[in-house]
Amino acid sequence: MRNSRTRKIPIMPVDEVKKKHRGFFDHVCNGTVYVCRWNDNAVVTLASNHLTHHPTGSVQRYSQSQKKHVKIRMPEILRRYNTSMGGVDISDKLLSSYRPRLKSKNLVITQGIAPREFHCPITSGFQKRYHNTFSPSKTSANHSDWTKSISTRNLENK
């Protein structure tokens, strides 16, 4: 959540949370919405209408000052957010790695809705085929080969 969206919420400001130790978090709840601000490498602010910081878990981070891995506290709302975001990061990475260029008579379209409409199903198909049901095999397929094979099949069926 952006800092500008939390101005009217009575929660500790980002500048003060930065000065606290790593793993520190502040939270506030008005009965319907729970807001949590956590200090890690950067200050993170999350809001939820059904999750809170309970149970507070721990996670390992590397401490530059101590030169070793240390355990810090992590609220449940952040743990759940991090576990849910794994697939989104992979999808964004694959979408940006082989961005299609659509050529028309007068211009080349590289951004916008049209290229994304074609590329999203190809990327999600690749994820389902090779990442969700991954089994080691002799041939390791990559996203580029997958995109080429789908494009070739579509052109042949035309």
N, C-alpha and C. Protein backbone atom coordinates (compact mmCIF):
# COMPACT_ATOMS: atom_id res chain seq x y z
N MET A 1 0.84 -1.17 0.00
CA MET A 1 0.00 0.00 0.00
C MET A 1 0.90 1.24 0.00
N ARG A 2 0.57 2.20 -0.79
CA ARG A 2 1.37 3.42 -0.86
C ARG A 2 1.18 4.27 0.39
N ASN A 3 2.23 5.00 0.71
CA ASN A 3 2.21 5.84 1.91
C ASN A 3 1.14 6.92 1.81
N SER A 4 0.86 7.42 0.62
CA SER A 4 -0.13 8.48 0.45
C SER A 4 -1.55 8.00 0.79
N ARG A 5 -1.78 6.71 0.75
CA ARG A 5 -3.11 6.17 1.04
C ARG A 5 -3.33 5.91 2.53
N THR A 6 -2.28 6.08 3.34
CA THR A 6 -2.40 5.79 4.77
C THR A 6 -2.26 7.05 5.62
N ARG A 7 -2.41 8.22 5.06
CA ARG A 7 -2.22 9.47 5.82
C ARG A 7 -3.22 9.63 6.95
N LYS A 8 -4.46 9.24 6.73
CA LYS A 8 -5.50 9.43 7.75
C LYS A 8 -5.60 8.25 8.72
N ILE A 9 -4.79 7.23 8.52
CA ILE A 9 -4.82 6.06 9.40
C ILE A 9 -3.86 6.31 10.56
N PRO A 10 -4.29 6.09 11.80
CA PRO A 10 -3.41 6.35 12.95
C PRO A 10 -2.37 5.24 13.15
N ILE A 11 -1.44 5.14 12.22
CA ILE A 11 -0.38 4.13 12.29
C ILE A 11 0.96 4.87 12.25
N MET A 12 2.00 4.25 12.80
CA MET A 12 3.31 4.88 12.87
C MET A 12 3.81 5.25 11.47
N PRO A 13 4.33 6.47 11.27
CA PRO A 13 4.81 6.88 9.95
C PRO A 13 5.99 6.04 9.47
N VAL A 14 6.17 5.99 8.15
CA VAL A 14 7.22 5.19 7.53
C VAL A 14 8.60 5.59 8.05
N ASP A 15 8.84 6.90 8.21
CA ASP A 15 10.15 7.36 8.67
C ASP A 15 10.49 6.82 10.06
N GLU A 16 9.51 6.75 10.94
CA GLU A 16 9.76 6.23 12.29
C GLU A 16 9.96 4.72 12.27
N VAL A 17 9.21 4.02 11.42
CA VAL A 17 9.35 2.56 11.33
C VAL A 17 10.73 2.20 10.79
N LYS A 18 11.27 3.00 9.85
CA LYS A 18 12.60 2.75 9.30
C LYS A 18 13.68 2.79 10.37
N LYS A 19 13.49 3.63 11.38
CA LYS A 19 14.48 3.78 12.45
C LYS A 19 14.45 2.61 13.43
N LYS A 20 13.39 1.86 13.44
CA LYS A 20 13.26 0.71 14.35
C LYS A 20 14.06 -0.47 13.81
N HIS A 21 14.18 -1.50 14.64
CA HIS A 21 14.94 -2.69 14.25
C HIS A 21 14.22 -3.47 13.16
N ARG A 22 14.98 -4.29 12.47
CA ARG A 22 14.43 -5.10 11.39
C ARG A 22 13.49 -6.14 11.99
N GLY A 23 12.32 -6.27 11.41
CA GLY A 23 11.31 -7.19 11.94
C GLY A 23 10.26 -6.48 12.77
N PHE A 24 10.45 -5.21 13.05
CA PHE A 24 9.47 -4.43 13.81
C PHE A 24 8.22 -4.21 12.96
N PHE A 25 7.06 -4.29 13.59
CA PHE A 25 5.83 -3.95 12.87
C PHE A 25 4.86 -3.23 13.78
N ASP A 26 4.07 -2.38 13.17
CA ASP A 26 3.02 -1.64 13.85
C ASP A 26 1.72 -1.98 13.15
N HIS A 27 0.64 -2.04 13.90
CA HIS A 27 -0.64 -2.40 13.30
C HIS A 27 -1.77 -1.62 13.95
N VAL A 28 -2.84 -1.48 13.21
CA VAL A 28 -4.04 -0.82 13.70
C VAL A 28 -5.25 -1.46 13.03
N CYS A 29 -6.35 -1.54 13.78
CA CYS A 29 -7.58 -2.14 13.25
C CYS A 29 -8.76 -1.30 13.71
N ASN A 30 -9.66 -1.00 12.79
CA ASN A 30 -10.85 -0.22 13.15
C ASN A 30 -12.09 -1.10 13.27
N GLY A 31 -11.91 -2.39 13.28
CA GLY A 31 -13.03 -3.32 13.37
C GLY A 31 -13.34 -4.01 12.06
N THR A 32 -13.10 -3.34 10.95
CA THR A 32 -13.35 -3.95 9.65
C THR A 32 -12.08 -4.11 8.83
N VAL A 33 -11.18 -3.15 8.91
CA VAL A 33 -9.94 -3.20 8.12
C VAL A 33 -8.74 -3.21 9.05
N TYR A 34 -7.84 -4.13 8.78
CA TYR A 34 -6.60 -4.27 9.55
C TYR A 34 -5.45 -3.75 8.69
N VAL A 35 -4.62 -2.85 9.22
CA VAL A 35 -3.48 -2.29 8.50
C VAL A 35 -2.22 -2.61 9.29
N CYS A 36 -1.21 -3.14 8.59
CA CYS A 36 0.05 -3.53 9.22
C CYS A 36 1.20 -2.91 8.46
N ARG A 37 2.16 -2.34 9.19
CA ARG A 37 3.36 -1.75 8.59
C ARG A 37 4.56 -2.49 9.19
N TRP A 38 5.40 -3.10 8.32
CA TRP A 38 6.49 -3.98 8.73
C TRP A 38 7.81 -3.47 8.18
N ASN A 39 8.87 -3.56 8.99
CA ASN A 39 10.20 -3.10 8.59
C ASN A 39 11.07 -4.29 8.24
N ASP A 40 11.48 -4.37 6.97
CA ASP A 40 12.44 -5.37 6.51
C ASP A 40 13.53 -4.59 5.80
N ASN A 41 13.92 -4.96 4.58
CA ASN A 41 14.85 -4.13 3.81
C ASN A 41 14.22 -2.77 3.55
N ALA A 42 12.93 -2.77 3.36
CA ALA A 42 12.16 -1.54 3.19
C ALA A 42 10.91 -1.67 4.04
N VAL A 43 10.22 -0.58 4.24
CA VAL A 43 8.99 -0.61 5.01
C VAL A 43 7.84 -1.02 4.09
N VAL A 44 7.08 -2.01 4.52
CA VAL A 44 5.98 -2.56 3.74
C VAL A 44 4.69 -2.31 4.50
N THR A 45 3.66 -1.84 3.80
CA THR A 45 2.36 -1.60 4.41
C THR A 45 1.32 -2.44 3.68
N LEU A 46 0.57 -3.24 4.45
CA LEU A 46 -0.49 -4.07 3.89
C LEU A 46 -1.79 -3.84 4.65
N ALA A 47 -2.90 -4.02 3.96
CA ALA A 47 -4.22 -3.90 4.58
C ALA A 47 -5.05 -5.11 4.19
N SER A 48 -5.90 -5.54 5.12
CA SER A 48 -6.75 -6.70 4.86
C SER A 48 -8.04 -6.57 5.66
N ASN A 49 -9.09 -7.21 5.16
CA ASN A 49 -10.33 -7.23 5.92
C ASN A 49 -10.57 -8.59 6.58
N HIS A 50 -9.61 -9.53 6.43
CA HIS A 50 -9.79 -10.82 7.08
C HIS A 50 -8.51 -11.40 7.70
N LEU A 51 -7.34 -10.83 7.44
CA LEU A 51 -6.09 -11.33 8.03
C LEU A 51 -5.54 -10.33 9.04
N THR A 52 -4.81 -10.85 10.03
CA THR A 52 -4.12 -10.00 11.01
C THR A 52 -2.68 -10.46 11.12
N HIS A 53 -1.98 -9.98 12.14
CA HIS A 53 -0.59 -10.37 12.32
C HIS A 53 -0.46 -11.69 13.09
N HIS A 54 -1.55 -12.20 13.63
CA HIS A 54 -1.50 -13.46 14.39
C HIS A 54 -1.65 -14.65 13.46
N PRO A 55 -0.96 -15.73 13.56
CA PRO A 55 0.19 -15.92 14.44
C PRO A 55 1.44 -15.29 13.83
N THR A 56 2.26 -14.70 14.67
CA THR A 56 3.50 -14.09 14.19
C THR A 56 4.54 -15.18 14.01
N GLY A 57 5.08 -15.28 12.81
CA GLY A 57 6.10 -16.28 12.53
C GLY A 57 7.48 -15.64 12.52
N SER A 58 8.45 -16.43 12.12
CA SER A 58 9.81 -15.89 12.00
C SER A 58 10.37 -16.29 10.65
N VAL A 59 11.28 -15.48 10.14
CA VAL A 59 11.90 -15.71 8.85
C VAL A 59 13.37 -15.34 8.97
N GLN A 60 14.21 -16.02 8.18
CA GLN A 60 15.64 -15.75 8.24
C GLN A 60 16.02 -14.67 7.24
N ARG A 61 16.83 -13.74 7.70
CA ARG A 61 17.39 -12.69 6.86
C ARG A 61 18.87 -12.56 7.20
N TYR A 62 19.66 -12.07 6.24
CA TYR A 62 21.08 -11.87 6.47
C TYR A 62 21.30 -10.49 7.09
N SER A 63 22.03 -10.43 8.19
CA SER A 63 22.34 -9.18 8.86
C SER A 63 23.73 -8.72 8.47
N GLN A 64 23.82 -7.54 7.87
CA GLN A 64 25.12 -6.98 7.48
C GLN A 64 25.97 -6.66 8.70
N SER A 65 25.35 -6.17 9.76
CA SER A 65 26.12 -5.78 10.94
C SER A 65 26.68 -6.99 11.68
N GLN A 66 25.90 -8.06 11.78
CA GLN A 66 26.35 -9.26 12.50
C GLN A 66 27.05 -10.25 11.59
N LYS A 67 26.97 -10.07 10.27
CA LYS A 67 27.60 -10.95 9.27
C LYS A 67 27.12 -12.39 9.39
N LYS A 68 25.84 -12.57 9.66
CA LYS A 68 25.26 -13.91 9.73
C LYS A 68 23.75 -13.82 9.53
N HIS A 69 23.13 -14.97 9.36
CA HIS A 69 21.68 -15.03 9.22
C HIS A 69 21.04 -14.90 10.60
N VAL A 70 20.01 -14.08 10.67
CA VAL A 70 19.28 -13.90 11.93
C VAL A 70 17.80 -14.13 11.67
N LYS A 71 17.08 -14.49 12.72
CA LYS A 71 15.63 -14.67 12.61
C LYS A 71 14.95 -13.38 13.03
N ILE A 72 13.99 -12.96 12.21
CA ILE A 72 13.20 -11.79 12.55
C ILE A 72 11.72 -12.16 12.52
N ARG A 73 10.91 -11.37 13.23
CA ARG A 73 9.47 -11.63 13.27
C ARG A 73 8.81 -11.19 11.98
N MET A 74 7.83 -11.98 11.56
CA MET A 74 7.06 -11.64 10.35
C MET A 74 5.58 -11.87 10.64
N PRO A 75 4.75 -10.85 10.43
CA PRO A 75 3.31 -11.01 10.65
C PRO A 75 2.69 -11.99 9.64
N GLU A 76 1.62 -12.61 10.04
CA GLU A 76 0.94 -13.60 9.20
C GLU A 76 0.43 -12.98 7.90
N ILE A 77 -0.03 -11.75 7.94
CA ILE A 77 -0.54 -11.09 6.74
C ILE A 77 0.54 -11.00 5.66
N LEU A 78 1.79 -10.76 6.05
CA LEU A 78 2.88 -10.69 5.08
C LEU A 78 3.29 -12.06 4.59
N ARG A 79 3.28 -13.04 5.45
CA ARG A 79 3.63 -14.40 5.03
C ARG A 79 2.65 -14.89 3.98
N ARG A 80 1.36 -14.66 4.21
CA ARG A 80 0.34 -15.07 3.25
C ARG A 80 0.48 -14.32 1.93
N TYR A 81 0.78 -13.04 2.00
CA TYR A 81 0.97 -12.24 0.78
C TYR A 81 2.14 -12.77 -0.03
N ASN A 82 3.25 -13.06 0.62
CA ASN A 82 4.44 -13.55 -0.07
C ASN A 82 4.21 -14.91 -0.72
N THR A 83 3.49 -15.80 -0.05
CA THR A 83 3.22 -17.11 -0.65
C THR A 83 2.27 -17.00 -1.84
N SER A 84 1.38 -16.02 -1.83
CA SER A 84 0.43 -15.85 -2.93
C SER A 84 1.06 -15.19 -4.15
N MET A 85 2.11 -14.42 -3.96
CA MET A 85 2.69 -13.63 -5.04
C MET A 85 3.70 -14.40 -5.89
N GLY A 86 4.06 -15.60 -5.52
CA GLY A 86 5.08 -16.34 -6.26
C GLY A 86 4.75 -16.53 -7.73
N GLY A 87 3.54 -16.94 -8.05
CA GLY A 87 3.17 -17.17 -9.44
C GLY A 87 3.07 -15.90 -10.25
N VAL A 88 2.71 -14.81 -9.62
CA VAL A 88 2.59 -13.53 -10.32
C VAL A 88 3.96 -13.06 -10.78
N ASP A 89 4.97 -13.21 -9.93
CA ASP A 89 6.33 -12.80 -10.30
C ASP A 89 6.82 -13.59 -11.51
N ILE A 90 6.58 -14.89 -11.52
CA ILE A 90 7.02 -15.73 -12.64
C ILE A 90 6.30 -15.32 -13.91
N SER A 91 5.00 -15.08 -13.79
CA SER A 91 4.22 -14.69 -14.97
C SER A 91 4.70 -13.35 -15.53
N ASP A 92 4.95 -12.38 -14.66
CA ASP A 92 5.45 -11.09 -15.12
C ASP A 92 6.81 -11.22 -15.78
N LYS A 93 7.65 -12.08 -15.24
CA LYS A 93 8.98 -12.29 -15.81
C LYS A 93 8.87 -12.89 -17.21
N LEU A 94 8.01 -13.90 -17.36
CA LEU A 94 7.85 -14.54 -18.67
C LEU A 94 7.20 -13.59 -19.68
N LEU A 95 6.25 -12.79 -19.23
CA LEU A 95 5.61 -11.84 -20.14
C LEU A 95 6.60 -10.80 -20.64
N SER A 96 7.52 -10.39 -19.79
CA SER A 96 8.47 -9.36 -20.20
C SER A 96 9.66 -9.92 -20.97
N SER A 97 9.94 -11.22 -20.83
CA SER A 97 11.14 -11.77 -21.46
C SER A 97 11.01 -11.88 -22.98
N TYR A 98 9.88 -12.28 -23.48
CA TYR A 98 9.68 -12.41 -24.93
C TYR A 98 8.45 -11.63 -25.34
N ARG A 99 8.54 -10.33 -25.26
CA ARG A 99 7.40 -9.48 -25.60
C ARG A 99 7.21 -9.48 -27.12
N PRO A 100 6.03 -9.87 -27.59
CA PRO A 100 5.81 -9.95 -29.04
C PRO A 100 5.68 -8.56 -29.66
N ARG A 101 6.10 -8.47 -30.90
CA ARG A 101 5.95 -7.24 -31.69
C ARG A 101 4.98 -7.53 -32.81
N LEU A 102 3.90 -6.80 -32.85
CA LEU A 102 2.90 -6.96 -33.90
C LEU A 102 3.14 -5.89 -34.96
N LYS A 103 3.38 -6.31 -36.19
CA LYS A 103 3.67 -5.36 -37.26
C LYS A 103 2.41 -5.14 -38.09
N SER A 104 2.12 -3.89 -38.33
CA SER A 104 1.05 -3.55 -39.26
C SER A 104 1.67 -2.76 -40.40
N LYS A 105 0.85 -2.26 -41.28
CA LYS A 105 1.37 -1.58 -42.47
C LYS A 105 2.16 -0.32 -42.11
N ASN A 106 1.70 0.43 -41.12
CA ASN A 106 2.32 1.72 -40.83
C ASN A 106 3.06 1.79 -39.49
N LEU A 107 2.81 0.88 -38.57
CA LEU A 107 3.45 1.00 -37.27
C LEU A 107 3.72 -0.37 -36.66
N VAL A 108 4.59 -0.37 -35.69
CA VAL A 108 4.91 -1.59 -34.94
C VAL A 108 4.32 -1.43 -33.55
N ILE A 109 3.50 -2.38 -33.14
CA ILE A 109 2.84 -2.32 -31.84
C ILE A 109 3.61 -3.22 -30.87
N THR A 110 4.19 -2.62 -29.83
CA THR A 110 4.90 -3.42 -28.83
C THR A 110 4.28 -3.32 -27.46
N GLN A 111 3.40 -2.35 -27.25
CA GLN A 111 2.76 -2.19 -25.96
C GLN A 111 1.26 -2.05 -26.15
N GLY A 112 0.54 -2.19 -25.06
CA GLY A 112 -0.90 -2.02 -25.12
C GLY A 112 -1.62 -3.34 -24.90
N ILE A 113 -2.89 -3.34 -25.21
CA ILE A 113 -3.74 -4.49 -24.91
C ILE A 113 -3.57 -5.60 -25.94
N ALA A 114 -3.46 -5.28 -27.21
CA ALA A 114 -3.43 -6.31 -28.26
C ALA A 114 -2.29 -7.32 -28.09
N PRO A 115 -1.04 -6.91 -27.93
CA PRO A 115 0.02 -7.91 -27.76
C PRO A 115 -0.17 -8.74 -26.49
N ARG A 116 -0.69 -8.10 -25.44
CA ARG A 116 -0.88 -8.82 -24.18
C ARG A 116 -1.99 -9.87 -24.31
N GLU A 117 -3.02 -9.57 -25.10
CA GLU A 117 -4.09 -10.54 -25.32
C GLU A 117 -3.58 -11.82 -25.96
N PHE A 118 -2.60 -11.70 -26.83
CA PHE A 118 -2.04 -12.88 -27.48
C PHE A 118 -1.01 -13.58 -26.61
N HIS A 119 -0.26 -12.80 -25.85
CA HIS A 119 0.88 -13.35 -25.13
C HIS A 119 0.50 -13.97 -23.78
N CYS A 120 -0.54 -13.47 -23.12
CA CYS A 120 -0.95 -14.01 -21.81
C CYS A 120 -1.36 -15.49 -21.87
N PRO A 121 -2.19 -15.91 -22.83
CA PRO A 121 -2.54 -17.34 -22.88
C PRO A 121 -1.33 -18.23 -23.17
N ILE A 122 -0.41 -17.75 -23.99
CA ILE A 122 0.79 -18.53 -24.29
C ILE A 122 1.63 -18.70 -23.04
N THR A 123 1.79 -17.63 -22.28
CA THR A 123 2.58 -17.67 -21.06
C THR A 123 1.93 -18.56 -20.00
N SER A 124 0.62 -18.45 -19.83
CA SER A 124 -0.03 -19.28 -18.82
C SER A 124 -0.01 -20.75 -19.23
N GLY A 125 -0.10 -21.03 -20.52
CA GLY A 125 0.02 -22.42 -20.99
C GLY A 125 1.40 -22.97 -20.72
N PHE A 126 2.42 -22.15 -20.92
CA PHE A 126 3.79 -22.57 -20.62
C PHE A 126 3.96 -22.86 -19.13
N GLN A 127 3.39 -22.01 -18.29
CA GLN A 127 3.49 -22.22 -16.84
C GLN A 127 2.81 -23.52 -16.42
N LYS A 128 1.63 -23.78 -16.95
CA LYS A 128 0.92 -25.00 -16.59
C LYS A 128 1.68 -26.23 -17.05
N ARG A 129 2.22 -26.17 -18.25
CA ARG A 129 2.88 -27.33 -18.83
C ARG A 129 4.22 -27.64 -18.17
N TYR A 130 5.04 -26.61 -17.96
CA TYR A 130 6.42 -26.86 -17.54
C TYR A 130 6.75 -26.48 -16.11
N HIS A 131 5.97 -25.65 -15.47
CA HIS A 131 6.31 -25.25 -14.11
C HIS A 131 5.44 -25.95 -13.08
N ASN A 132 4.15 -26.08 -13.33
CA ASN A 132 3.28 -26.72 -12.35
C ASN A 132 3.41 -28.23 -12.37
N THR A 133 3.63 -28.82 -13.54
CA THR A 133 3.79 -30.27 -13.64
C THR A 133 5.20 -30.59 -14.11
N PHE A 134 6.18 -30.01 -13.44
CA PHE A 134 7.57 -30.17 -13.87
C PHE A 134 8.07 -31.56 -13.50
N SER A 135 8.63 -32.23 -14.48
CA SER A 135 9.33 -33.48 -14.23
C SER A 135 10.62 -33.45 -15.04
N PRO A 136 11.74 -33.82 -14.43
CA PRO A 136 13.00 -33.77 -15.15
C PRO A 136 12.98 -34.67 -16.37
N SER A 137 13.41 -34.15 -17.48
CA SER A 137 13.45 -34.95 -18.71
C SER A 137 14.71 -34.60 -19.47
N LYS A 138 14.93 -35.31 -20.56
CA LYS A 138 16.13 -35.08 -21.36
C LYS A 138 16.07 -33.73 -22.06
N THR A 139 14.89 -33.35 -22.49
CA THR A 139 14.75 -32.08 -23.20
C THR A 139 14.19 -31.04 -22.24
N SER A 140 14.90 -30.00 -22.05
CA SER A 140 14.40 -28.92 -21.20
C SER A 140 13.85 -27.82 -22.10
N ALA A 141 12.56 -27.64 -22.04
CA ALA A 141 11.91 -26.63 -22.88
C ALA A 141 12.05 -25.26 -22.24
N ASN A 142 12.15 -24.25 -23.06
CA ASN A 142 12.16 -22.90 -22.53
C ASN A 142 11.00 -22.10 -23.12
N HIS A 143 10.82 -20.92 -22.61
CA HIS A 143 9.67 -20.11 -23.01
C HIS A 143 9.73 -19.71 -24.47
N SER A 144 10.92 -19.47 -24.98
CA SER A 144 11.08 -19.07 -26.38
C SER A 144 10.64 -20.19 -27.32
N ASP A 145 11.07 -21.43 -27.05
CA ASP A 145 10.67 -22.56 -27.89
C ASP A 145 9.16 -22.78 -27.83
N TRP A 146 8.59 -22.65 -26.63
CA TRP A 146 7.16 -22.82 -26.46
C TRP A 146 6.39 -21.79 -27.29
N THR A 147 6.81 -20.53 -27.23
CA THR A 147 6.15 -19.46 -27.98
C THR A 147 6.25 -19.71 -29.48
N LYS A 148 7.42 -20.14 -29.94
CA LYS A 148 7.61 -20.42 -31.37
C LYS A 148 6.73 -21.57 -31.83
N SER A 149 6.63 -22.63 -31.01
CA SER A 149 5.82 -23.77 -31.42
C SER A 149 4.33 -23.42 -31.48
N ILE A 150 3.85 -22.64 -30.52
CA ILE A 150 2.45 -22.21 -30.53
C ILE A 150 2.18 -21.33 -31.75
N SER A 151 3.08 -20.40 -32.02
CA SER A 151 2.91 -19.51 -33.18
C SER A 151 2.92 -20.29 -34.48
N THR A 152 3.82 -21.26 -34.59
CA THR A 152 3.90 -22.08 -35.80
C THR A 152 2.61 -22.88 -36.00
N ARG A 153 2.11 -23.49 -34.93
CA ARG A 153 0.86 -24.27 -35.02
C ARG A 153 -0.31 -23.39 -35.44
N ASN A 154 -0.37 -22.18 -34.88
CA ASN A 154 -1.47 -21.28 -35.24
C ASN A 154 -1.39 -20.84 -36.70
N LEU A 155 -0.20 -20.61 -37.20
CA LEU A 155 -0.04 -20.20 -38.60
C LEU A 155 -0.35 -21.35 -39.55
N GLU A 156 0.00 -22.59 -39.16
CA GLU A 156 -0.27 -23.75 -40.01
C GLU A 156 -1.77 -24.03 -40.09
N ASN A 157 -2.50 -23.79 -39.01
CA ASN A 157 -3.94 -24.04 -38.98
C ASN A 157 -4.74 -22.98 -39.71
N LYS A 158 -4.12 -21.88 -40.06
CA LYS A 158 -4.82 -20.79 -40.73
C LYS A 158 -5.19 -21.20 -42.09
